[in-house]
Amino acid sequence: MISRQPGKRALLFILVTVLIDTMGMGVIIPVIPELIMELTGEGLSRAAVYGGWLGFVGAIMVMGQSTLPRIAIPRFGERRTALVGFVAGGAGYLGYAFATEG
């Protein structure tokens, strides 16, 4: 019988997912100030304020996302909860990919 280490595949999957997520943030962060200036028509100082609020709201969302799995894992299990999170994140990136200017 072949002994498997189930943790290696799971760890690789998690690392690849974190890499893709980090790359997504690395792509958007440098263009946020110019994007905000283009969307609002205001200067860099006002775009910095908007960017600060976006960062604040993002941090609040991350805090909520770290709390929701603690509630969902006992009810649905770790695997289902993680898969839902990965699918939701992928759907968000697909939304970014197909977004057009309004």
C-alpha atoms as a PDB file:
ATOM      1  CA  MET A   1       0.000   0.000   0.000  1.00  0.00           C
ATOM      2  CA  ILE A   2       1.273   3.465  -0.895  1.00  0.00           C
ATOM      3  CA  SER A   3       1.265   5.963   1.930  1.00  0.00           C
ATOM      4  CA  ARG A   4       0.146   9.447   0.945  1.00  0.00           C
ATOM      5  CA  GLN A   5       0.691  12.717   2.635  1.00  0.00           C
ATOM      6  CA  PRO A   6      -2.652  14.460   2.138  1.00  0.00           C
ATOM      7  CA  GLY A   7      -1.318  17.718   3.505  1.00  0.00           C
ATOM      8  CA  LYS A   8       1.146  18.312   0.641  1.00  0.00           C
ATOM      9  CA  ARG A   9      -1.487  18.682  -2.068  1.00  0.00           C
ATOM     10  CA  ALA A  10      -3.675  20.839   0.134  1.00  0.00           C
ATOM     11  CA  LEU A  11      -0.731  23.042   1.051  1.00  0.00           C
ATOM     12  CA  LEU A  12       0.223  23.454  -2.606  1.00  0.00           C
ATOM     13  CA  PHE A  13      -3.371  24.385  -3.481  1.00  0.00           C
ATOM     14  CA  ILE A  14      -3.466  26.989  -0.712  1.00  0.00           C
ATOM     15  CA  LEU A  15      -0.092  28.445  -1.710  1.00  0.00           C
ATOM     16  CA  VAL A  16      -1.131  28.765  -5.360  1.00  0.00           C
ATOM     17  CA  THR A  17      -4.393  30.421  -4.302  1.00  0.00           C
ATOM     18  CA  VAL A  18      -2.553  32.928  -2.095  1.00  0.00           C
ATOM     19  CA  LEU A  19      -0.087  33.603  -4.934  1.00  0.00           C
ATOM     20  CA  ILE A  20      -2.907  34.370  -7.386  1.00  0.00           C
ATOM     21  CA  ASP A  21      -4.612  36.607  -4.816  1.00  0.00           C
ATOM     22  CA  THR A  22      -1.378  38.489  -4.123  1.00  0.00           C
ATOM     23  CA  MET A  23      -0.703  38.926  -7.833  1.00  0.00           C
ATOM     24  CA  GLY A  24      -4.198  40.358  -8.254  1.00  0.00           C
ATOM     25  CA  MET A  25      -3.551  42.952  -5.561  1.00  0.00           C
ATOM     26  CA  GLY A  26      -0.118  43.712  -7.029  1.00  0.00           C
ATOM     27  CA  VAL A  27      -1.724  44.510 -10.365  1.00  0.00           C
ATOM     28  CA  ILE A  28      -4.399  46.877  -9.044  1.00  0.00           C
ATOM     29  CA  ILE A  29      -2.542  48.766  -6.282  1.00  0.00           C
ATOM     30  CA  PRO A  30      -0.213  50.818  -8.539  1.00  0.00           C
ATOM     31  CA  VAL A  31      -3.075  52.101 -10.700  1.00  0.00           C
ATOM     32  CA  ILE A  32      -5.564  52.962  -7.951  1.00  0.00           C
ATOM     33  CA  PRO A  33      -4.603  56.675  -7.609  1.00  0.00           C
ATOM     34  CA  GLU A  34      -4.807  57.333 -11.352  1.00  0.00           C
ATOM     35  CA  LEU A  35      -8.010  55.350 -11.629  1.00  0.00           C
ATOM     36  CA  ILE A  36      -9.635  57.338  -8.817  1.00  0.00           C
ATOM     37  CA  MET A  37      -8.497  60.627 -10.372  1.00  0.00           C
ATOM     38  CA  GLU A  38      -9.946  59.563 -13.721  1.00  0.00           C
ATOM     39  CA  LEU A  39     -13.240  58.430 -12.226  1.00  0.00           C
ATOM     40  CA  THR A  40     -13.775  61.444  -9.952  1.00  0.00           C
ATOM     41  CA  GLY A  41     -12.116  64.165 -12.027  1.00  0.00           C
ATOM     42  CA  GLU A  42     -10.384  65.468  -8.900  1.00  0.00           C
ATOM     43  CA  GLY A  43      -6.717  65.943  -8.011  1.00  0.00           C
ATOM     44  CA  LEU A  44      -4.241  63.621  -6.388  1.00  0.00           C
ATOM     45  CA  SER A  45      -4.863  64.866  -2.828  1.00  0.00           C
ATOM     46  CA  ARG A  46      -8.595  64.110  -3.034  1.00  0.00           C
ATOM     47  CA  ALA A  47      -7.870  60.772  -4.738  1.00  0.00           C
ATOM     48  CA  ALA A  48      -5.618  59.914  -1.788  1.00  0.00           C
ATOM     49  CA  VAL A  49      -8.535  60.530   0.595  1.00  0.00           C
ATOM     50  CA  TYR A  50     -10.783  58.269  -1.483  1.00  0.00           C
ATOM     51  CA  GLY A  51      -8.035  55.666  -1.613  1.00  0.00           C
ATOM     52  CA  GLY A  52      -7.704  55.808   2.163  1.00  0.00           C
ATOM     53  CA  TRP A  53     -11.414  55.191   2.587  1.00  0.00           C
ATOM     54  CA  LEU A  54     -11.234  52.297   0.130  1.00  0.00           C
ATOM     55  CA  GLY A  55      -8.401  50.797   2.171  1.00  0.00           C
ATOM     56  CA  PHE A  56     -10.387  51.240   5.375  1.00  0.00           C
ATOM     57  CA  VAL A  57     -13.477  49.571   3.942  1.00  0.00           C
ATOM     58  CA  GLY A  58     -11.292  46.788   2.552  1.00  0.00           C
ATOM     59  CA  ALA A  59      -9.789  46.173   5.986  1.00  0.00           C
ATOM     60  CA  ILE A  60     -13.261  46.001   7.543  1.00  0.00           C
ATOM     61  CA  MET A  61     -14.293  43.490   4.865  1.00  0.00           C
ATOM     62  CA  VAL A  62     -11.234  41.336   5.597  1.00  0.00           C
ATOM     63  CA  MET A  63     -12.145  41.389   9.282  1.00  0.00           C
ATOM     64  CA  GLY A  64     -15.631  40.170   8.396  1.00  0.00           C
ATOM     65  CA  GLN A  65     -14.233  37.509   6.106  1.00  0.00           C
ATOM     66  CA  SER A  66     -12.083  36.166   8.917  1.00  0.00           C
ATOM     67  CA  THR A  67     -15.120  35.931  11.198  1.00  0.00           C
ATOM     68  CA  LEU A  68     -17.577  34.279   8.800  1.00  0.00           C
ATOM     69  CA  PRO A  69     -15.563  31.067   8.338  1.00  0.00           C
ATOM     70  CA  ARG A  70     -15.426  30.615  12.114  1.00  0.00           C
ATOM     71  CA  ILE A  71     -19.198  30.532  12.061  1.00  0.00           C
ATOM     72  CA  ALA A  72     -19.517  28.418   8.890  1.00  0.00           C
ATOM     73  CA  ILE A  73     -16.857  25.756   9.553  1.00  0.00           C
ATOM     74  CA  PRO A  74     -18.659  24.002  12.430  1.00  0.00           C
ATOM     75  CA  ARG A  75     -21.884  23.959  10.437  1.00  0.00           C
ATOM     76  CA  PHE A  76     -20.679  23.085   6.909  1.00  0.00           C
ATOM     77  CA  GLY A  77     -17.159  21.735   7.401  1.00  0.00           C
ATOM     78  CA  GLU A  78     -13.740  23.078   6.493  1.00  0.00           C
ATOM     79  CA  ARG A  79     -13.617  21.772   2.937  1.00  0.00           C
ATOM     80  CA  ARG A  80     -16.969  23.196   1.837  1.00  0.00           C
ATOM     81  CA  THR A  81     -16.291  26.517   3.519  1.00  0.00           C
ATOM     82  CA  ALA A  82     -12.869  26.825   1.851  1.00  0.00           C
ATOM     83  CA  LEU A  83     -14.260  25.870  -1.563  1.00  0.00           C
ATOM     84  CA  VAL A  84     -17.004  28.474  -1.308  1.00  0.00           C
ATOM     85  CA  GLY A  85     -14.391  31.087  -0.421  1.00  0.00           C
ATOM     86  CA  PHE A  86     -12.140  30.107  -3.327  1.00  0.00           C
ATOM     87  CA  VAL A  87     -15.045  30.109  -5.797  1.00  0.00           C
ATOM     88  CA  ALA A  88     -16.218  33.512  -4.546  1.00  0.00           C
ATOM     89  CA  GLY A  89     -12.709  34.934  -4.899  1.00  0.00           C
ATOM     90  CA  GLY A  90     -12.391  33.509  -8.413  1.00  0.00           C
ATOM     91  CA  ALA A  91     -15.765  34.972  -9.366  1.00  0.00           C
ATOM     92  CA  GLY A  92     -14.582  38.361  -8.140  1.00  0.00           C
ATOM     93  CA  TYR A  93     -11.474  38.177 -10.314  1.00  0.00           C
ATOM     94  CA  LEU A  94     -13.586  37.126 -13.302  1.00  0.00           C
ATOM     95  CA  GLY A  95     -15.719  40.192 -12.652  1.00  0.00           C
ATOM     96  CA  TYR A  96     -12.568  42.336 -12.759  1.00  0.00           C
ATOM     97  CA  ALA A  97     -11.479  40.648 -15.987  1.00  0.00           C
ATOM     98  CA  PHE A  98     -14.729  41.339 -17.823  1.00  0.00           C
ATOM     99  CA  ALA A  99     -15.389  44.818 -16.414  1.00  0.00           C
ATOM    100  CA  THR A 100     -15.649  47.644 -18.918  1.00  0.00           C
ATOM    101  CA  GLU A 101     -15.663  51.384 -18.589  1.00  0.00           C
ATOM    102  CA  GLY A 102     -19.051  52.797 -17.801  1.00  0.00           C
END
